[in-house]
Amino acid sequence: MGFDVSDLEAALMQSEEQRERTYRHVEDCVRRAVDLDRRLTLHKDEFSAPELEHNRFRLRQLTGLDDIESKFQAQED
């Protein structure tokens, strides 16, 4: 899985409490990305091939999670 480590770089200079918050943040992003990837698989027919691959790429980098989630919410409305 690709990953933008910029979220973690700052943790090198943080207090133990701040490092724990950073860890929890990244862990939450990974969990969301896995869940969204499962949803993409279930609804793959609702996306064009390029859009599906673009979204998967973003998930692998843990970026754009809110945007991808909002696409599912828009489809549900």
Foldseek 3Di string as FASTA:
>chain_A
DAEDCPLVVVLVPDDPVVVVVSVVVVVVLLVLLVVLLVVCVVVVVVDDPVVSVVSNVCSNHSPPSVVSVVVVVVVVD
